[in-house]
PDB file of N, CA and C in Angstrom:
ATOM      1  N   UNK A   1     147.688  49.578  97.358  1.00  0.00           N
ATOM      2  CA  UNK A   1     146.838  50.556  98.048  1.00  0.00           C
ATOM      3  C   UNK A   1     146.078  49.798  99.137  1.00  0.00           C
ATOM      4  N   UNK A   2     146.006  50.383 100.268  1.00  0.00           N
ATOM      5  CA  UNK A   2     145.339  49.762 101.404  1.00  0.00           C
ATOM      6  C   UNK A   2     143.803  49.934 101.274  1.00  0.00           C
ATOM      7  N   UNK A   3     143.091  49.126 102.015  1.00  0.00           N
ATOM      8  CA  UNK A   3     141.629  49.194 101.939  1.00  0.00           C
ATOM      9  C   UNK A   3     141.141  50.534 102.515  1.00  0.00           C
ATOM     10  N   UNK A   4     141.896  51.086 103.500  1.00  0.00           N
ATOM     11  CA  UNK A   4     141.489  52.377 104.061  1.00  0.00           C
ATOM     12  C   UNK A   4     141.513  53.515 103.036  1.00  0.00           C
ATOM     13  N   UNK A   5     142.543  53.473 102.212  1.00  0.00           N
ATOM     14  CA  UNK A   5     142.600  54.539 101.158  1.00  0.00           C
ATOM     15  C   UNK A   5     141.522  54.357 100.092  1.00  0.00           C
ATOM     16  N   UNK A   6     141.228  53.099  99.814  1.00  0.00           N
ATOM     17  CA  UNK A   6     140.132  52.835  98.826  1.00  0.00           C
ATOM     18  C   UNK A   6     138.802  53.350  99.402  1.00  0.00           C
ATOM     19  N   UNK A   7     138.608  53.106 100.684  1.00  0.00           N
ATOM     20  CA  UNK A   7     137.363  53.595 101.321  1.00  0.00           C
ATOM     21  C   UNK A   7     137.350  55.095 101.346  1.00  0.00           C
ATOM     22  N   UNK A   8     138.487  55.726 101.641  1.00  0.00           N
ATOM     23  CA  UNK A   8     138.552  57.163 101.681  1.00  0.00           C
ATOM     24  C   UNK A   8     138.259  57.784 100.326  1.00  0.00           C
ATOM     25  N   UNK A   9     138.766  57.207  99.275  1.00  0.00           N
ATOM     26  CA  UNK A   9     138.535  57.750  97.948  1.00  0.00           C
ATOM     27  C   UNK A   9     137.084  57.533  97.521  1.00  0.00           C
ATOM     28  N   UNK A  10     136.530  56.378  97.860  1.00  0.00           N
ATOM     29  CA  UNK A  10     135.120  56.123  97.459  1.00  0.00           C
ATOM     30  C   UNK A  10     134.211  57.036  98.268  1.00  0.00           C
ATOM     31  N   UNK A  11     134.540  57.289  99.519  1.00  0.00           N
ATOM     32  CA  UNK A  11     133.756  58.225 100.316  1.00  0.00           C
ATOM     33  C   UNK A  11     133.846  59.613  99.775  1.00  0.00           C
ATOM     34  N   UNK A  12     135.073  60.069  99.373  1.00  0.00           N
ATOM     35  CA  UNK A  12     135.256  61.379  98.838  1.00  0.00           C
ATOM     36  C   UNK A  12     134.464  61.533  97.531  1.00  0.00           C
ATOM     37  N   UNK A  13     134.427  60.495  96.682  1.00  0.00           N
ATOM     38  CA  UNK A  13     133.682  60.591  95.431  1.00  0.00           C
ATOM     39  C   UNK A  13     132.196  60.662  95.676  1.00  0.00           C
ATOM     40  N   UNK A  14     131.747  59.960  96.718  1.00  0.00           N
ATOM     41  CA  UNK A  14     130.280  59.967  96.998  1.00  0.00           C
ATOM     42  C   UNK A  14     129.849  61.262  97.641  1.00  0.00           C
ATOM     43  N   UNK A  15     130.743  61.983  98.339  1.00  0.00           N
ATOM     44  CA  UNK A  15     130.381  63.209  99.029  1.00  0.00           C
ATOM     45  C   UNK A  15     130.666  64.438  98.172  1.00  0.00           C
ATOM     46  N   UNK A  16     131.456  64.300  97.125  1.00  0.00           N
ATOM     47  CA  UNK A  16     131.852  65.490  96.303  1.00  0.00           C
ATOM     48  C   UNK A  16     130.672  66.302  95.771  1.00  0.00           C
ATOM     49  N   UNK A  17     129.607  65.649  95.235  1.00  0.00           N
ATOM     50  CA  UNK A  17     128.473  66.502  94.752  1.00  0.00           C
ATOM     51  C   UNK A  17     127.839  67.339  95.877  1.00  0.00           C
ATOM     52  N   UNK A  18     127.747  66.774  97.077  1.00  0.00           N
ATOM     53  CA  UNK A  18     127.178  67.494  98.181  1.00  0.00           C
ATOM     54  C   UNK A  18     128.027  68.681  98.557  1.00  0.00           C
ATOM     55  N   UNK A  19     129.337  68.490  98.563  1.00  0.00           N
ATOM     56  CA  UNK A  19     130.248  69.606  98.889  1.00  0.00           C
ATOM     57  C   UNK A  19     130.151  70.694  97.827  1.00  0.00           C
ATOM     58  N   UNK A  20     130.072  70.303  96.572  1.00  0.00           N
ATOM     59  CA  UNK A  20     129.922  71.330  95.503  1.00  0.00           C
ATOM     60  C   UNK A  20     128.622  72.103  95.643  1.00  0.00           C
ATOM     61  N   UNK A  21     127.558  71.433  96.004  1.00  0.00           N
ATOM     62  CA  UNK A  21     126.293  72.151  96.167  1.00  0.00           C
ATOM     63  C   UNK A  21     126.350  73.103  97.354  1.00  0.00           C
ATOM     64  N   UNK A  22     127.066  72.725  98.412  1.00  0.00           N
ATOM     65  CA  UNK A  22     127.247  73.644  99.539  1.00  0.00           C
ATOM     66  C   UNK A  22     128.035  74.884  99.150  1.00  0.00           C
ATOM     67  N   UNK A  23     129.052  74.682  98.359  1.00  0.00           N
ATOM     68  CA  UNK A  23     129.790  75.847  97.886  1.00  0.00           C
ATOM     69  C   UNK A  23     128.948  76.745  97.025  1.00  0.00           C
ATOM     70  N   UNK A  24     128.111  76.186  96.185  1.00  0.00           N
ATOM     71  CA  UNK A  24     127.203  77.015  95.373  1.00  0.00           C
ATOM     72  C   UNK A  24     126.215  77.791  96.217  1.00  0.00           C
ATOM     73  N   UNK A  25     125.723  77.107  97.224  1.00  0.00           N
ATOM     74  CA  UNK A  25     124.760  77.762  98.150  1.00  0.00           C
ATOM     75  C   UNK A  25     125.433  78.906  98.859  1.00  0.00           C
ATOM     76  N   UNK A  26     126.662  78.699  99.306  1.00  0.00           N
ATOM     77  CA  UNK A  26     127.412  79.727  99.978  1.00  0.00           C
ATOM     78  C   UNK A  26     127.645  80.908  99.066  1.00  0.00           C
ATOM     79  N   UNK A  27     128.010  80.631  97.809  1.00  0.00           N
ATOM     80  CA  UNK A  27     128.212  81.705  96.824  1.00  0.00           C
ATOM     81  C   UNK A  27     126.929  82.490  96.648  1.00  0.00           C
ATOM     82  N   UNK A  28     125.812  81.800  96.454  1.00  0.00           N
ATOM     83  CA  UNK A  28     124.542  82.499  96.257  1.00  0.00           C
ATOM     84  C   UNK A  28     124.158  83.285  97.493  1.00  0.00           C
ATOM     85  N   UNK A  29     124.374  82.724  98.663  1.00  0.00           N
ATOM     86  CA  UNK A  29     124.018  83.423  99.857  1.00  0.00           C
ATOM     87  C   UNK A  29     124.863  84.698 100.009  1.00  0.00           C
ATOM     88  N   UNK A  30     126.160  84.635  99.718  1.00  0.00           N
ATOM     89  CA  UNK A  30     126.973  85.824  99.827  1.00  0.00           C
ATOM     90  C   UNK A  30     126.638  86.798  98.785  1.00  0.00           C
ATOM     91  N   UNK A  31     126.319  86.382  97.577  1.00  0.00           N
ATOM     92  CA  UNK A  31     126.018  87.343  96.528  1.00  0.00           C
ATOM     93  C   UNK A  31     124.698  88.054  96.823  1.00  0.00           C
ATOM     94  N   UNK A  32     123.741  87.354  97.413  1.00  0.00           N
ATOM     95  CA  UNK A  32     122.508  88.003  97.820  1.00  0.00           C
ATOM     96  C   UNK A  32     122.741  89.025  98.951  1.00  0.00           C
ATOM     97  N   UNK A  33     123.667  88.700  99.871  1.00  0.00           N
ATOM     98  CA  UNK A  33     124.028  89.642 100.897  1.00  0.00           C
ATOM     99  C   UNK A  33     124.674  90.872 100.341  1.00  0.00           C
ATOM    100  N   UNK A  34     125.541  90.691  99.399  1.00  0.00           N
ATOM    101  CA  UNK A  34     126.266  91.848  98.769  1.00  0.00           C
ATOM    102  C   UNK A  34     125.250  92.699  98.034  1.00  0.00           C
ATOM    103  N   UNK A  35     124.292  92.036  97.359  1.00  0.00           N
ATOM    104  CA  UNK A  35     123.254  92.788  96.618  1.00  0.00           C
ATOM    105  C   UNK A  35     122.430  93.573  97.574  1.00  0.00           C
ATOM    106  N   UNK A  36     122.048  93.020  98.705  1.00  0.00           N
ATOM    107  CA  UNK A  36     121.222  93.777  99.675  1.00  0.00           C
ATOM    108  C   UNK A  36     122.032  94.937 100.241  1.00  0.00           C
ATOM    109  N   UNK A  37     123.294  94.728 100.515  1.00  0.00           N
ATOM    110  CA  UNK A  37     124.116  95.818 101.040  1.00  0.00           C
ATOM    111  C   UNK A  37     124.266  96.929  99.986  1.00  0.00           C
ATOM    112  N   UNK A  38     124.389  96.536  98.706  1.00  0.00           N
ATOM    113  CA  UNK A  38     124.497  97.516  97.634  1.00  0.00           C
ATOM    114  C   UNK A  38     123.243  98.388  97.580  1.00  0.00           C
ATOM    115  N   UNK A  39     122.082  97.742  97.724  1.00  0.00           N
ATOM    116  CA  UNK A  39     120.834  98.502  97.689  1.00  0.00           C
ATOM    117  C   UNK A  39     120.726  99.443  98.880  1.00  0.00           C
ATOM    118  N   UNK A  40     121.179  98.963 100.055  1.00  0.00           N
ATOM    119  CA  UNK A  40     121.107  99.803 101.251  1.00  0.00           C
ATOM    120  C   UNK A  40     122.079 100.990 101.193  1.00  0.00           C
ATOM    121  N   UNK A  41     123.104 100.848 100.419  1.00  0.00           N
ATOM    122  CA  UNK A  41     124.092 101.952 100.367  1.00  0.00           C
ATOM    123  C   UNK A  41     123.467 103.181  99.674  1.00  0.00           C
ATOM    124  N   UNK A  42     122.417 102.972  98.901  1.00  0.00           N
ATOM    125  CA  UNK A  42     121.736 104.111  98.251  1.00  0.00           C
ATOM    126  C   UNK A  42     120.748 104.825  99.204  1.00  0.00           C
ATOM    127  N   UNK A  43     120.463 104.256 100.363  1.00  0.00           N
ATOM    128  CA  UNK A  43     119.535 104.863 101.281  1.00  0.00           C
ATOM    129  C   UNK A  43     120.213 106.060 101.989  1.00  0.00           C
ATOM    130  N   UNK A  44     119.446 107.119 102.132  1.00  0.00           N
ATOM    131  CA  UNK A  44     119.965 108.265 102.841  1.00  0.00           C
ATOM    132  C   UNK A  44     119.151 108.389 104.144  1.00  0.00           C
ATOM    133  N   UNK A  45     119.765 107.981 105.219  1.00  0.00           N
ATOM    134  CA  UNK A  45     119.110 108.032 106.542  1.00  0.00           C
ATOM    135  C   UNK A  45     119.990 108.825 107.475  1.00  0.00           C
ATOM    136  N   UNK A  46     120.383 110.002 107.059  1.00  0.00           N
ATOM    137  CA  UNK A  46     121.322 110.767 107.845  1.00  0.00           C
ATOM    138  C   UNK A  46     120.613 111.749 108.796  1.00  0.00           C
ATOM    139  N   UNK A  47     119.367 112.048 108.503  1.00  0.00           N
ATOM    140  CA  UNK A  47     118.621 112.963 109.393  1.00  0.00           C
ATOM    141  C   UNK A  47     117.588 112.207 110.193  1.00  0.00           C
ATOM    142  N   UNK A  48     117.228 112.679 111.351  1.00  0.00           N
ATOM    143  CA  UNK A  48     116.212 112.001 112.145  1.00  0.00           C
ATOM    144  C   UNK A  48     114.875 111.890 111.441  1.00  0.00           C
ATOM    145  N   UNK A  49     114.529 112.874 110.609  1.00  0.00           N
ATOM    146  CA  UNK A  49     113.250 112.849 109.861  1.00  0.00           C
ATOM    147  C   UNK A  49     113.283 111.710 108.841  1.00  0.00           C
ATOM    148  N   UNK A  50     114.422 111.525 108.154  1.00  0.00           N
ATOM    149  CA  UNK A  50     114.541 110.443 107.169  1.00  0.00           C
ATOM    150  C   UNK A  50     114.476 109.070 107.864  1.00  0.00           C
ATOM    151  N   UNK A  51     115.053 108.985 109.043  1.00  0.00           N
ATOM    152  CA  UNK A  51     115.021 107.694 109.758  1.00  0.00           C
ATOM    153  C   UNK A  51     113.574 107.411 110.204  1.00  0.00           C
ATOM    154  N   UNK A  52     112.846 108.424 110.677  1.00  0.00           N
ATOM    155  CA  UNK A  52     111.472 108.202 111.062  1.00  0.00           C
ATOM    156  C   UNK A  52     110.627 107.727 109.902  1.00  0.00           C
ATOM    157  N   UNK A  53     110.801 108.347 108.703  1.00  0.00           N
ATOM    158  CA  UNK A  53     110.023 107.911 107.539  1.00  0.00           C
ATOM    159  C   UNK A  53     110.366 106.478 107.156  1.00  0.00           C
ATOM    160  N   UNK A  54     111.655 106.128 107.223  1.00  0.00           N
ATOM    161  CA  UNK A  54     112.066 104.783 106.868  1.00  0.00           C
ATOM    162  C   UNK A  54     111.476 103.749 107.831  1.00  0.00           C
ATOM    163  N   UNK A  55     111.521 104.056 109.135  1.00  0.00           N
ATOM    164  CA  UNK A  55     110.923 103.146 110.121  1.00  0.00           C
ATOM    165  C   UNK A  55     109.405 103.049 109.980  1.00  0.00           C
ATOM    166  N   UNK A  56     108.750 104.145 109.633  1.00  0.00           N
ATOM    167  CA  UNK A  56     107.284 104.133 109.463  1.00  0.00           C
ATOM    168  C   UNK A  56     106.947 103.233 108.252  1.00  0.00           C
ATOM    169  N   UNK A  57     107.728 103.328 107.188  1.00  0.00           N
ATOM    170  CA  UNK A  57     107.478 102.492 105.994  1.00  0.00           C
ATOM    171  C   UNK A  57     107.712 100.999 106.335  1.00  0.00           C
ATOM    172  N   UNK A  58     108.774 100.742 107.094  1.00  0.00           N
ATOM    173  CA  UNK A  58     109.039  99.355 107.449  1.00  0.00           C
ATOM    174  C   UNK A  58     107.923  98.813 108.384  1.00  0.00           C
ATOM    175  N   UNK A  59     107.431  99.648 109.268  1.00  0.00           N
ATOM    176  CA  UNK A  59     106.366  99.226 110.156  1.00  0.00           C
ATOM    177  C   UNK A  59     105.077  98.936 109.391  1.00  0.00           C
ATOM    178  N   UNK A  60     104.766  99.787 108.437  1.00  0.00           N
ATOM    179  CA  UNK A  60     103.532  99.565 107.659  1.00  0.00           C
ATOM    180  C   UNK A  60     103.674  98.318 106.779  1.00  0.00           C
ATOM    181  N   UNK A  61     104.887  98.084 106.228  1.00  0.00           N
ATOM    182  CA  UNK A  61     105.099  96.873 105.469  1.00  0.00           C
ATOM    183  C   UNK A  61     104.938  95.628 106.355  1.00  0.00           C
ATOM    184  N   UNK A  62     105.482  95.700 107.554  1.00  0.00           N
ATOM    185  CA  UNK A  62     105.356  94.619 108.502  1.00  0.00           C
ATOM    186  C   UNK A  62     103.894  94.340 108.903  1.00  0.00           C
ATOM    187  N   UNK A  63     103.105  95.380 109.077  1.00  0.00           N
ATOM    188  CA  UNK A  63     101.721  95.248 109.421  1.00  0.00           C
ATOM    189  C   UNK A  63     100.985  94.591 108.249  1.00  0.00           C
ATOM    190  N   UNK A  64     101.306  94.974 107.032  1.00  0.00           N
ATOM    191  CA  UNK A  64     100.651  94.408 105.820  1.00  0.00           C
ATOM    192  C   UNK A  64     100.941  92.945 105.740  1.00  0.00           C
ATOM    193  N   UNK A  65     102.216  92.553 105.957  1.00  0.00           N
ATOM    194  CA  UNK A  65     102.615  91.139 105.852  1.00  0.00           C
ATOM    195  C   UNK A  65     101.930  90.317 106.932  1.00  0.00           C
ATOM    196  N   UNK A  66     101.868  90.865 108.168  1.00  0.00           N
ATOM    197  CA  UNK A  66     101.201  90.131 109.250  1.00  0.00           C
ATOM    198  C   UNK A  66      99.712  89.992 108.942  1.00  0.00           C
ATOM    199  N   UNK A  67      99.100  91.032 108.353  1.00  0.00           N
ATOM    200  CA  UNK A  67      97.673  90.906 107.985  1.00  0.00           C
ATOM    201  C   UNK A  67      97.439  89.892 106.911  1.00  0.00           C
ATOM    202  N   UNK A  68      98.398  89.706 106.016  1.00  0.00           N
ATOM    203  CA  UNK A  68      98.261  88.700 104.946  1.00  0.00           C
ATOM    204  C   UNK A  68      98.447  87.314 105.494  1.00  0.00           C
ATOM    205  N   UNK A  69      99.311  87.155 106.517  1.00  0.00           N
ATOM    206  CA  UNK A  69      99.606  85.820 107.002  1.00  0.00           C
ATOM    207  C   UNK A  69      98.656  85.350 108.037  1.00  0.00           C
ATOM    208  N   UNK A  70      98.126  86.199 108.906  1.00  0.00           N
ATOM    209  CA  UNK A  70      97.303  85.794 110.010  1.00  0.00           C
ATOM    210  C   UNK A  70      95.872  86.321 109.838  1.00  0.00           C
ATOM    211  N   UNK A  71      94.919  85.468 110.112  1.00  0.00           N
ATOM    212  CA  UNK A  71      93.515  85.840 109.973  1.00  0.00           C
ATOM    213  C   UNK A  71      93.022  86.443 111.298  1.00  0.00           C
ATOM    214  N   UNK A  72      92.378  87.632 111.213  1.00  0.00           N
ATOM    215  CA  UNK A  72      91.892  88.229 112.419  1.00  0.00           C
ATOM    216  C   UNK A  72      90.614  87.524 112.948  1.00  0.00           C
ATOM    217  N   UNK A  73      89.977  86.703 112.166  1.00  0.00           N
ATOM    218  CA  UNK A  73      88.752  86.011 112.560  1.00  0.00           C
ATOM    219  C   UNK A  73      89.004  84.663 113.185  1.00  0.00           C
ATOM    220  N   UNK A  74      90.206  84.142 113.036  1.00  0.00           N
ATOM    221  CA  UNK A  74      90.545  82.818 113.600  1.00  0.00           C
ATOM    222  C   UNK A  74      91.141  83.005 114.996  1.00  0.00           C
ATOM    223  N   UNK A  75      90.522  82.380 115.980  1.00  0.00           N
ATOM    224  CA  UNK A  75      90.926  82.525 117.368  1.00  0.00           C
ATOM    225  C   UNK A  75      92.019  81.516 117.707  1.00  0.00           C
ATOM    226  N   UNK A  76      92.759  81.820 118.719  1.00  0.00           N
ATOM    227  CA  UNK A  76      93.809  80.905 119.216  1.00  0.00           C
ATOM    228  C   UNK A  76      93.112  79.678 119.806  1.00  0.00           C
ATOM    229  N   UNK A  77      93.795  78.508 119.759  1.00  0.00           N
ATOM    230  CA  UNK A  77      93.162  77.294 120.300  1.00  0.00           C
ATOM    231  C   UNK A  77      93.058  77.397 121.820  1.00  0.00           C
ATOM    232  N   UNK A  78      92.010  76.846 122.345  1.00  0.00           N
ATOM    233  CA  UNK A  78      91.820  76.792 123.804  1.00  0.00           C
ATOM    234  C   UNK A  78      91.913  75.329 124.224  1.00  0.00           C
ATOM    235  N   UNK A  79      92.348  75.112 125.505  1.00  0.00           N
ATOM    236  CA  UNK A  79      92.550  73.778 125.995  1.00  0.00           C
ATOM    237  C   UNK A  79      91.756  73.578 127.268  1.00  0.00           C
ATOM    238  N   UNK A  80      91.431  72.316 127.566  1.00  0.00           N
ATOM    239  CA  UNK A  80      90.730  71.964 128.773  1.00  0.00           C
ATOM    240  C   UNK A  80      91.745  72.027 129.943  1.00  0.00           C
ATOM    241  N   UNK A  81      91.271  72.110 131.154  1.00  0.00           N
ATOM    242  CA  UNK A  81      92.139  72.091 132.321  1.00  0.00           C
ATOM    243  C   UNK A  81      92.946  70.813 132.406  1.00  0.00           C
ATOM    244  N   UNK A  82      92.355  69.718 131.949  1.00  0.00           N
ATOM    245  CA  UNK A  82      93.050  68.413 132.033  1.00  0.00           C
ATOM    246  C   UNK A  82      94.210  68.347 131.037  1.00  0.00           C
ATOM    247  N   UNK A  83      94.243  69.201 129.993  1.00  0.00           N
ATOM    248  CA  UNK A  83      95.308  69.186 128.999  1.00  0.00           C
ATOM    249  C   UNK A  83      96.560  69.919 129.499  1.00  0.00           C
ATOM    250  N   UNK A  84      96.426  70.717 130.537  1.00  0.00           N
ATOM    251  CA  UNK A  84      97.520  71.511 131.034  1.00  0.00           C
ATOM    252  C   UNK A  84      98.286  70.734 132.082  1.00  0.00           C
ATOM    253  N   UNK A  85      99.595  70.631 131.903  1.00  0.00           N
ATOM    254  CA  UNK A  85     100.464  69.911 132.852  1.00  0.00           C
ATOM    255  C   UNK A  85     100.862  70.854 133.997  1.00  0.00           C
ATOM    256  N   UNK A  86     100.890  70.278 135.175  1.00  0.00           N
ATOM    257  CA  UNK A  86     101.289  71.119 136.343  1.00  0.00           C
ATOM    258  C   UNK A  86     102.462  70.401 136.983  1.00  0.00           C
ATOM    259  N   UNK A  87     103.546  71.027 137.257  1.00  0.00           N
ATOM    260  CA  UNK A  87     103.900  72.374 136.853  1.00  0.00           C
ATOM    261  C   UNK A  87     104.221  72.437 135.374  1.00  0.00           C
ATOM    262  N   UNK A  88     103.972  73.581 134.771  1.00  0.00           N
ATOM    263  CA  UNK A  88     104.173  73.755 133.352  1.00  0.00           C
ATOM    264  C   UNK A  88     105.655  73.645 133.000  1.00  0.00           C
ATOM    265  N   UNK A  89     106.050  72.814 131.988  1.00  0.00           N
ATOM    266  CA  UNK A  89     107.461  72.621 131.660  1.00  0.00           C
ATOM    267  C   UNK A  89     107.981  73.788 130.779  1.00  0.00           C
ATOM    268  N   UNK A  90     108.610  74.741 131.351  1.00  0.00           N
ATOM    269  CA  UNK A  90     109.168  75.858 130.618  1.00  0.00           C
ATOM    270  C   UNK A  90     110.452  75.455 129.909  1.00  0.00           C
ATOM    271  N   UNK A  91     110.693  75.992 128.747  1.00  0.00           N
ATOM    272  CA  UNK A  91     111.917  75.726 127.993  1.00  0.00           C
ATOM    273  C   UNK A  91     113.032  76.672 128.455  1.00  0.00           C
ATOM    274  N   UNK A  92     113.547  76.460 129.601  1.00  0.00           N
ATOM    275  CA  UNK A  92     114.621  77.297 130.075  1.00  0.00           C
ATOM    276  C   UNK A  92     115.871  76.567 129.980  1.00  0.00           C
TER     277      UNK A  92
END
């Protein structure tokens, strides 16, 4: 057996647990997606009124989550004029 094959086998043995964990993650990710789709299949959003109610519920849930995450009393940080670079480097 050549040294290249020995290296290939030792590398494969060292990487095998990582590959197995990736496959498990992929399985869990797909099963969660299927579960979410199964739950959505029970939703009845065939009329405009039902769609409006669904969107209103989603909007209120979003507002509640934002209220829980962000404090209305904490202000955004302010910077001195010397801290601002000119011209401003945009991420384009």
